[in-house]
Amino acid sequence: MGFNMKDLQKMQAKMMKLQDDLQNSTFEGASGGGAVTMTINGKFEVTAVKLNPEAVDPEDVGMLEDLILTAFQDAYGKVTEAQAQMMQQITGGLKLPPGMGF
């Protein structure tokens, strides 16, 4: 592969730094034109949920549930995209086997 031990140690240190940065970052997802927003961190922990009062209709709880789910999926997608970009920075586009990344 063309890597020596020193290169691998540098890559590992860089990966640990980027992973720490990712875990301390926050990502916001939204749905319903901003009626529901959700913030999660790089560890996929939900840190905030905000609901526009107009999104809360006691007659249509299912719609609110869908909006919350969609906001989470949006935020989750942003975290996974950030992870993929970090791995590309570390590996220079080198494809690693499944389970070798974050």
N, C-alpha and C. Protein backbone atom coordinates (compact mmCIF):
# COMPACT_ATOMS: atom_id res chain seq x y z
N MET A 1 0.82 -1.20 0.00
CA MET A 1 0.00 0.00 0.00
C MET A 1 0.87 1.26 0.00
N GLY A 2 2.13 1.13 0.33
CA GLY A 2 2.98 2.30 0.29
C GLY A 2 3.00 3.11 1.58
N PHE A 3 2.49 2.57 2.66
CA PHE A 3 2.48 3.26 3.95
C PHE A 3 3.56 2.66 4.85
N ASN A 4 4.28 3.51 5.56
CA ASN A 4 5.17 2.99 6.58
C ASN A 4 4.54 3.27 7.94
N MET A 5 5.16 2.82 8.99
CA MET A 5 4.58 2.94 10.34
C MET A 5 4.38 4.41 10.72
N LYS A 6 5.32 5.27 10.36
CA LYS A 6 5.21 6.69 10.69
C LYS A 6 4.00 7.31 9.99
N ASP A 7 3.77 6.95 8.72
CA ASP A 7 2.61 7.45 7.98
C ASP A 7 1.31 6.99 8.63
N LEU A 8 1.28 5.73 9.03
CA LEU A 8 0.08 5.19 9.67
C LEU A 8 -0.19 5.87 11.01
N GLN A 9 0.86 6.17 11.76
CA GLN A 9 0.68 6.87 13.04
C GLN A 9 0.16 8.29 12.82
N LYS A 10 0.65 8.97 11.79
CA LYS A 10 0.16 10.31 11.47
C LYS A 10 -1.31 10.25 11.07
N MET A 11 -1.65 9.24 10.25
CA MET A 11 -3.03 9.08 9.80
C MET A 11 -3.94 8.80 11.00
N GLN A 12 -3.48 7.97 11.92
CA GLN A 12 -4.27 7.64 13.10
C GLN A 12 -4.47 8.88 13.97
N ALA A 13 -3.44 9.68 14.16
CA ALA A 13 -3.56 10.90 14.97
C ALA A 13 -4.53 11.87 14.31
N LYS A 14 -4.44 11.99 12.98
CA LYS A 14 -5.34 12.89 12.26
C LYS A 14 -6.78 12.39 12.38
N MET A 15 -6.97 11.07 12.26
CA MET A 15 -8.31 10.50 12.36
C MET A 15 -8.90 10.74 13.75
N MET A 16 -8.09 10.57 14.77
CA MET A 16 -8.58 10.78 16.14
C MET A 16 -8.98 12.24 16.34
N LYS A 17 -8.20 13.18 15.80
CA LYS A 17 -8.51 14.60 15.92
C LYS A 17 -9.80 14.93 15.18
N LEU A 18 -9.92 14.44 13.95
CA LEU A 18 -11.13 14.70 13.18
C LEU A 18 -12.35 14.06 13.82
N GLN A 19 -12.19 12.86 14.36
CA GLN A 19 -13.30 12.18 15.02
C GLN A 19 -13.74 12.96 16.25
N ASP A 20 -12.79 13.47 17.00
CA ASP A 20 -13.11 14.29 18.17
C ASP A 20 -13.84 15.56 17.74
N ASP A 21 -13.35 16.20 16.68
CA ASP A 21 -14.01 17.39 16.16
C ASP A 21 -15.44 17.08 15.74
N LEU A 22 -15.62 15.96 15.06
CA LEU A 22 -16.95 15.56 14.61
C LEU A 22 -17.88 15.34 15.80
N GLN A 23 -17.41 14.63 16.81
CA GLN A 23 -18.26 14.32 17.96
C GLN A 23 -18.65 15.59 18.72
N ASN A 24 -17.83 16.62 18.64
CA ASN A 24 -18.14 17.87 19.33
C ASN A 24 -18.88 18.87 18.45
N SER A 25 -19.20 18.47 17.22
CA SER A 25 -19.95 19.33 16.31
C SER A 25 -21.44 19.06 16.45
N THR A 26 -22.24 20.04 16.03
CA THR A 26 -23.68 19.85 16.02
C THR A 26 -24.20 20.02 14.60
N PHE A 27 -25.28 19.32 14.33
CA PHE A 27 -25.88 19.31 13.00
C PHE A 27 -27.38 19.52 13.18
N GLU A 28 -27.94 20.39 12.36
CA GLU A 28 -29.37 20.68 12.48
C GLU A 28 -30.12 20.15 11.28
N GLY A 29 -31.21 19.47 11.57
CA GLY A 29 -32.11 19.00 10.53
C GLY A 29 -33.42 19.72 10.68
N ALA A 30 -34.14 19.85 9.58
CA ALA A 30 -35.41 20.57 9.61
C ALA A 30 -36.42 19.87 8.72
N SER A 31 -37.68 20.13 8.99
CA SER A 31 -38.75 19.62 8.14
C SER A 31 -39.92 20.59 8.22
N GLY A 32 -40.83 20.43 7.28
CA GLY A 32 -42.01 21.28 7.26
C GLY A 32 -41.67 22.76 7.08
N GLY A 33 -40.64 23.03 6.29
CA GLY A 33 -40.25 24.42 6.08
C GLY A 33 -39.75 25.09 7.35
N GLY A 34 -39.17 24.31 8.25
CA GLY A 34 -38.66 24.85 9.51
C GLY A 34 -39.65 24.75 10.65
N ALA A 35 -40.77 24.09 10.42
CA ALA A 35 -41.76 23.92 11.49
C ALA A 35 -41.19 23.08 12.63
N VAL A 36 -40.32 22.15 12.27
CA VAL A 36 -39.64 21.31 13.25
C VAL A 36 -38.15 21.33 12.94
N THR A 37 -37.33 21.61 13.95
CA THR A 37 -35.89 21.51 13.79
C THR A 37 -35.35 20.62 14.90
N MET A 38 -34.31 19.88 14.54
CA MET A 38 -33.70 18.98 15.50
C MET A 38 -32.20 19.13 15.38
N THR A 39 -31.53 19.19 16.51
CA THR A 39 -30.08 19.29 16.54
C THR A 39 -29.53 18.01 17.16
N ILE A 40 -28.54 17.44 16.48
CA ILE A 40 -27.85 16.26 17.00
C ILE A 40 -26.35 16.51 16.93
N ASN A 41 -25.62 15.80 17.76
CA ASN A 41 -24.16 15.95 17.71
C ASN A 41 -23.56 14.83 16.87
N GLY A 42 -22.26 14.84 16.74
CA GLY A 42 -21.57 13.85 15.93
C GLY A 42 -21.62 12.45 16.48
N LYS A 43 -22.14 12.29 17.69
CA LYS A 43 -22.34 10.95 18.27
C LYS A 43 -23.77 10.49 18.07
N PHE A 44 -24.52 11.24 17.25
CA PHE A 44 -25.92 10.96 16.94
C PHE A 44 -26.84 11.11 18.15
N GLU A 45 -26.44 11.93 19.11
CA GLU A 45 -27.28 12.20 20.28
C GLU A 45 -28.10 13.46 20.00
N VAL A 46 -29.40 13.36 20.24
CA VAL A 46 -30.28 14.51 20.04
C VAL A 46 -30.00 15.49 21.17
N THR A 47 -29.70 16.74 20.80
CA THR A 47 -29.40 17.75 21.80
C THR A 47 -30.48 18.83 21.89
N ALA A 48 -31.33 18.94 20.87
CA ALA A 48 -32.41 19.94 20.92
C ALA A 48 -33.48 19.60 19.90
N VAL A 49 -34.71 19.91 20.26
CA VAL A 49 -35.85 19.79 19.36
C VAL A 49 -36.65 21.08 19.51
N LYS A 50 -36.94 21.72 18.40
CA LYS A 50 -37.73 22.94 18.43
C LYS A 50 -38.96 22.75 17.54
N LEU A 51 -40.11 23.11 18.10
CA LEU A 51 -41.37 22.98 17.37
C LEU A 51 -42.00 24.36 17.21
N ASN A 52 -42.36 24.70 15.99
CA ASN A 52 -43.14 25.90 15.76
C ASN A 52 -44.54 25.60 16.29
N PRO A 53 -45.10 26.46 17.12
CA PRO A 53 -46.43 26.18 17.68
C PRO A 53 -47.48 25.85 16.62
N GLU A 54 -47.31 26.38 15.43
CA GLU A 54 -48.28 26.10 14.37
C GLU A 54 -48.20 24.65 13.90
N ALA A 55 -47.09 23.98 14.18
CA ALA A 55 -46.93 22.58 13.78
C ALA A 55 -47.65 21.64 14.74
N VAL A 56 -48.07 22.16 15.87
CA VAL A 56 -48.72 21.34 16.89
C VAL A 56 -50.23 21.43 16.72
N ASP A 57 -50.78 20.41 16.08
CA ASP A 57 -52.22 20.33 15.87
C ASP A 57 -52.72 19.09 16.59
N PRO A 58 -53.44 19.28 17.71
CA PRO A 58 -53.91 18.12 18.47
C PRO A 58 -54.78 17.16 17.65
N GLU A 59 -55.32 17.67 16.57
CA GLU A 59 -56.17 16.83 15.71
C GLU A 59 -55.34 16.02 14.70
N ASP A 60 -54.04 16.33 14.58
CA ASP A 60 -53.20 15.64 13.60
C ASP A 60 -51.82 15.35 14.19
N VAL A 61 -51.80 14.53 15.24
CA VAL A 61 -50.55 14.17 15.91
C VAL A 61 -49.64 13.41 14.94
N GLY A 62 -50.20 12.63 14.06
CA GLY A 62 -49.41 11.86 13.09
C GLY A 62 -48.54 12.75 12.22
N MET A 63 -49.07 13.90 11.84
CA MET A 63 -48.29 14.83 11.02
C MET A 63 -47.09 15.35 11.81
N LEU A 64 -47.27 15.68 13.06
CA LEU A 64 -46.17 16.16 13.90
C LEU A 64 -45.12 15.05 14.07
N GLU A 65 -45.57 13.83 14.27
CA GLU A 65 -44.64 12.71 14.38
C GLU A 65 -43.80 12.56 13.11
N ASP A 66 -44.46 12.69 11.96
CA ASP A 66 -43.74 12.60 10.69
C ASP A 66 -42.73 13.73 10.54
N LEU A 67 -43.11 14.94 10.95
CA LEU A 67 -42.19 16.08 10.86
C LEU A 67 -40.97 15.88 11.75
N ILE A 68 -41.18 15.35 12.94
CA ILE A 68 -40.06 15.09 13.87
C ILE A 68 -39.13 14.03 13.28
N LEU A 69 -39.71 12.97 12.76
CA LEU A 69 -38.91 11.90 12.15
C LEU A 69 -38.11 12.43 10.97
N THR A 70 -38.74 13.21 10.13
CA THR A 70 -38.06 13.77 8.95
C THR A 70 -36.94 14.71 9.36
N ALA A 71 -37.15 15.52 10.39
CA ALA A 71 -36.10 16.42 10.87
C ALA A 71 -34.92 15.62 11.40
N PHE A 72 -35.19 14.54 12.11
CA PHE A 72 -34.10 13.69 12.60
C PHE A 72 -33.34 13.07 11.44
N GLN A 73 -34.06 12.55 10.46
CA GLN A 73 -33.40 11.93 9.32
C GLN A 73 -32.53 12.93 8.56
N ASP A 74 -32.99 14.18 8.48
CA ASP A 74 -32.21 15.23 7.83
C ASP A 74 -30.91 15.49 8.59
N ALA A 75 -31.00 15.62 9.91
CA ALA A 75 -29.81 15.85 10.72
C ALA A 75 -28.87 14.65 10.67
N TYR A 76 -29.42 13.45 10.75
CA TYR A 76 -28.63 12.22 10.69
C TYR A 76 -27.84 12.15 9.39
N GLY A 77 -28.50 12.50 8.31
CA GLY A 77 -27.84 12.49 7.01
C GLY A 77 -26.67 13.46 6.96
N LYS A 78 -26.81 14.60 7.64
CA LYS A 78 -25.72 15.58 7.66
C LYS A 78 -24.53 15.05 8.45
N VAL A 79 -24.77 14.32 9.52
CA VAL A 79 -23.67 13.73 10.29
C VAL A 79 -22.96 12.67 9.46
N THR A 80 -23.71 11.80 8.81
CA THR A 80 -23.08 10.74 8.02
C THR A 80 -22.30 11.33 6.84
N GLU A 81 -22.80 12.41 6.26
CA GLU A 81 -22.07 13.08 5.18
C GLU A 81 -20.77 13.68 5.71
N ALA A 82 -20.82 14.28 6.89
CA ALA A 82 -19.60 14.84 7.50
C ALA A 82 -18.59 13.73 7.78
N GLN A 83 -19.07 12.58 8.24
CA GLN A 83 -18.18 11.45 8.48
C GLN A 83 -17.50 11.00 7.18
N ALA A 84 -18.27 10.92 6.11
CA ALA A 84 -17.72 10.48 4.83
C ALA A 84 -16.67 11.46 4.33
N GLN A 85 -16.94 12.75 4.50
CA GLN A 85 -15.97 13.76 4.07
C GLN A 85 -14.68 13.67 4.89
N MET A 86 -14.81 13.41 6.18
CA MET A 86 -13.63 13.27 7.02
C MET A 86 -12.80 12.06 6.61
N MET A 87 -13.47 10.96 6.34
CA MET A 87 -12.75 9.77 5.93
C MET A 87 -12.03 10.01 4.61
N GLN A 88 -12.65 10.76 3.72
CA GLN A 88 -12.00 11.06 2.46
C GLN A 88 -10.76 11.93 2.68
N GLN A 89 -10.85 12.87 3.64
CA GLN A 89 -9.68 13.69 3.97
C GLN A 89 -8.54 12.83 4.49
N ILE A 90 -8.88 11.87 5.32
CA ILE A 90 -7.86 11.04 5.96
C ILE A 90 -7.24 10.07 4.96
N THR A 91 -8.07 9.44 4.17
CA THR A 91 -7.58 8.37 3.30
C THR A 91 -7.25 8.86 1.89
N GLY A 92 -7.57 10.12 1.60
CA GLY A 92 -7.31 10.62 0.25
C GLY A 92 -8.14 9.91 -0.80
N GLY A 93 -9.31 9.45 -0.40
CA GLY A 93 -10.19 8.75 -1.33
C GLY A 93 -9.98 7.25 -1.39
N LEU A 94 -9.00 6.75 -0.63
CA LEU A 94 -8.73 5.31 -0.59
C LEU A 94 -9.95 4.61 -0.02
N LYS A 95 -10.46 3.62 -0.72
CA LYS A 95 -11.64 2.89 -0.26
C LYS A 95 -11.23 1.87 0.80
N LEU A 96 -11.81 2.01 1.99
CA LEU A 96 -11.52 1.07 3.07
C LEU A 96 -12.63 0.04 3.17
N PRO A 97 -12.32 -1.16 3.62
CA PRO A 97 -13.36 -2.17 3.81
C PRO A 97 -14.39 -1.70 4.83
N PRO A 98 -15.64 -2.20 4.75
CA PRO A 98 -16.65 -1.83 5.74
C PRO A 98 -16.16 -2.09 7.15
N GLY A 99 -16.47 -1.16 8.06
CA GLY A 99 -16.09 -1.30 9.44
C GLY A 99 -14.74 -0.70 9.77
N MET A 100 -14.01 -0.25 8.75
CA MET A 100 -12.69 0.32 8.98
C MET A 100 -12.74 1.83 9.19
N GLY A 101 -13.91 2.43 9.03
CA GLY A 101 -14.04 3.87 9.21
C GLY A 101 -14.53 4.21 10.60
N PHE A 102 -15.34 5.26 10.70
CA PHE A 102 -15.85 5.72 12.00
C PHE A 102 -16.87 4.77 12.51
